[in-house]
């Protein structure tokens, strides 16, 4: 099966500023880096605090083990499983993810945030 991207990013009820539907980041920013700074392994991630699966929210796929997660102030540390980067986060359970990813994409495309 082949997936074709739309010309522009489409997210229900979100103004995506005509962001492209596919592409690559043209420059590196530490905001895009999931691996924790100075981590010994690339499987240690430094994420926004809201990523932590509190309450009944379903965690990132393959990461149900609560011992993999640790809150650190405004951040969350995750010891990821070694499956790869094909993890899924349910944005209905984590609506904060939509603004976060759109901000990252806007900074790349326009050099600004919402």
Protein backbone atom coordinates (compact mmCIF):
# COMPACT_ATOMS: atom_id res chain seq x y z
CA UNK A 1 0.00 0.00 0.00
CA UNK A 2 1.24 3.48 -0.85
CA UNK A 3 0.06 6.56 1.02
CA UNK A 4 0.02 9.87 -0.81
CA UNK A 5 0.15 13.07 1.19
CA UNK A 6 -2.32 15.84 0.55
CA UNK A 7 -0.92 19.08 -0.85
CA UNK A 8 -1.63 20.83 2.48
CA UNK A 9 -1.82 19.53 6.05
CA UNK A 10 -5.41 18.96 7.11
CA UNK A 11 -6.43 18.64 10.76
CA UNK A 12 -10.10 18.92 11.71
CA UNK A 13 -10.99 22.29 13.27
CA UNK A 14 -7.36 23.52 13.15
CA UNK A 15 -6.00 26.42 11.08
CA UNK A 16 -2.82 24.90 9.68
CA UNK A 17 -1.75 28.05 7.78
CA UNK A 18 -1.58 26.04 4.54
CA UNK A 19 1.31 23.99 5.90
CA UNK A 20 2.50 21.38 3.39
CA UNK A 21 1.07 17.88 3.71
CA UNK A 22 4.54 16.32 3.52
CA UNK A 23 8.18 17.32 3.67
CA UNK A 24 11.32 17.37 5.75
CA UNK A 25 12.61 19.83 8.31
CA UNK A 26 15.01 22.23 6.61
CA UNK A 27 16.98 22.97 9.79
CA UNK A 28 17.60 21.36 13.15
CA UNK A 29 16.12 22.72 16.35
CA UNK A 30 16.39 21.22 19.84
CA UNK A 31 12.59 21.57 20.05
CA UNK A 32 12.34 18.82 17.40
CA UNK A 33 14.70 16.49 19.25
CA UNK A 34 12.98 13.74 21.22
CA UNK A 35 16.19 12.22 22.62
CA UNK A 36 17.01 13.72 26.02
CA UNK A 37 20.06 16.01 26.02
CA UNK A 38 23.16 14.18 27.24
CA UNK A 39 21.28 10.86 27.32
CA UNK A 40 23.44 7.75 27.15
CA UNK A 41 20.94 6.11 24.79
CA UNK A 42 18.67 7.45 22.06
CA UNK A 43 15.82 5.55 23.72
CA UNK A 44 15.66 8.12 26.55
CA UNK A 45 13.27 10.84 25.42
CA UNK A 46 12.57 14.28 26.84
CA UNK A 47 8.96 15.26 26.09
CA UNK A 48 6.51 17.99 27.10
CA UNK A 49 4.91 17.28 30.50
CA UNK A 50 1.48 16.62 28.96
CA UNK A 51 2.81 13.46 27.27
CA UNK A 52 2.77 11.71 30.67
CA UNK A 53 -0.17 9.25 30.65
CA UNK A 54 -2.06 10.43 33.73
CA UNK A 55 -5.51 9.25 34.70
CA UNK A 56 -7.14 6.95 32.19
CA UNK A 57 -5.39 8.36 29.13
CA UNK A 58 -3.95 5.70 26.84
CA UNK A 59 -0.15 6.07 26.65
CA UNK A 60 1.94 6.16 23.52
CA UNK A 61 1.68 2.75 21.82
CA UNK A 62 4.00 0.06 23.27
CA UNK A 63 4.54 2.18 26.43
CA UNK A 64 1.92 1.00 28.95
CA UNK A 65 4.57 0.18 31.56
CA UNK A 66 4.36 3.06 34.07
CA UNK A 67 8.00 2.52 35.06
CA UNK A 68 9.06 3.87 31.67
CA UNK A 69 7.55 7.30 32.45
CA UNK A 70 8.85 9.97 34.85
CA UNK A 71 7.65 13.54 35.37
CA UNK A 72 10.42 16.10 35.65
CA UNK A 73 8.93 19.53 36.25
CA UNK A 74 7.68 20.88 32.91
CA UNK A 75 8.97 17.82 31.07
CA UNK A 76 8.37 14.07 30.93
CA UNK A 77 11.14 11.53 30.54
CA UNK A 78 10.29 8.34 28.67
CA UNK A 79 12.48 5.25 28.37
CA UNK A 80 11.22 4.08 25.00
CA UNK A 81 10.98 0.51 23.82
CA UNK A 82 13.43 -0.38 21.08
CA UNK A 83 10.84 -0.97 18.35
CA UNK A 84 11.57 2.15 16.32
CA UNK A 85 9.85 5.46 15.82
CA UNK A 86 6.49 4.17 14.63
CA UNK A 87 4.64 4.92 17.86
CA UNK A 88 1.08 6.25 17.86
CA UNK A 89 -0.35 8.89 20.19
CA UNK A 90 -4.14 9.27 20.25
CA UNK A 91 -4.73 13.00 19.77
CA UNK A 92 -8.30 12.65 21.02
CA UNK A 93 -6.78 11.74 24.39
CA UNK A 94 -3.90 14.21 24.05
CA UNK A 95 -5.32 17.28 22.27
CA UNK A 96 -2.23 19.23 23.36
CA UNK A 97 -0.30 17.28 20.74
CA UNK A 98 -2.02 19.10 17.87
CA UNK A 99 -0.89 22.56 18.95
CA UNK A 100 2.59 21.24 19.75
CA UNK A 101 3.16 19.66 16.34
CA UNK A 102 1.58 22.59 14.47
CA UNK A 103 3.92 24.98 16.30
CA UNK A 104 6.94 22.87 15.30
CA UNK A 105 5.80 22.82 11.68
CA UNK A 106 5.04 26.57 11.62
CA UNK A 107 8.49 27.38 12.97
CA UNK A 108 10.01 25.39 10.12
CA UNK A 109 7.74 26.81 7.44
CA UNK A 110 7.34 30.41 8.54
CA UNK A 111 9.81 30.95 11.37
CA UNK A 112 6.94 31.73 13.76
CA UNK A 113 4.43 30.21 16.16
CA UNK A 114 0.68 30.76 16.38
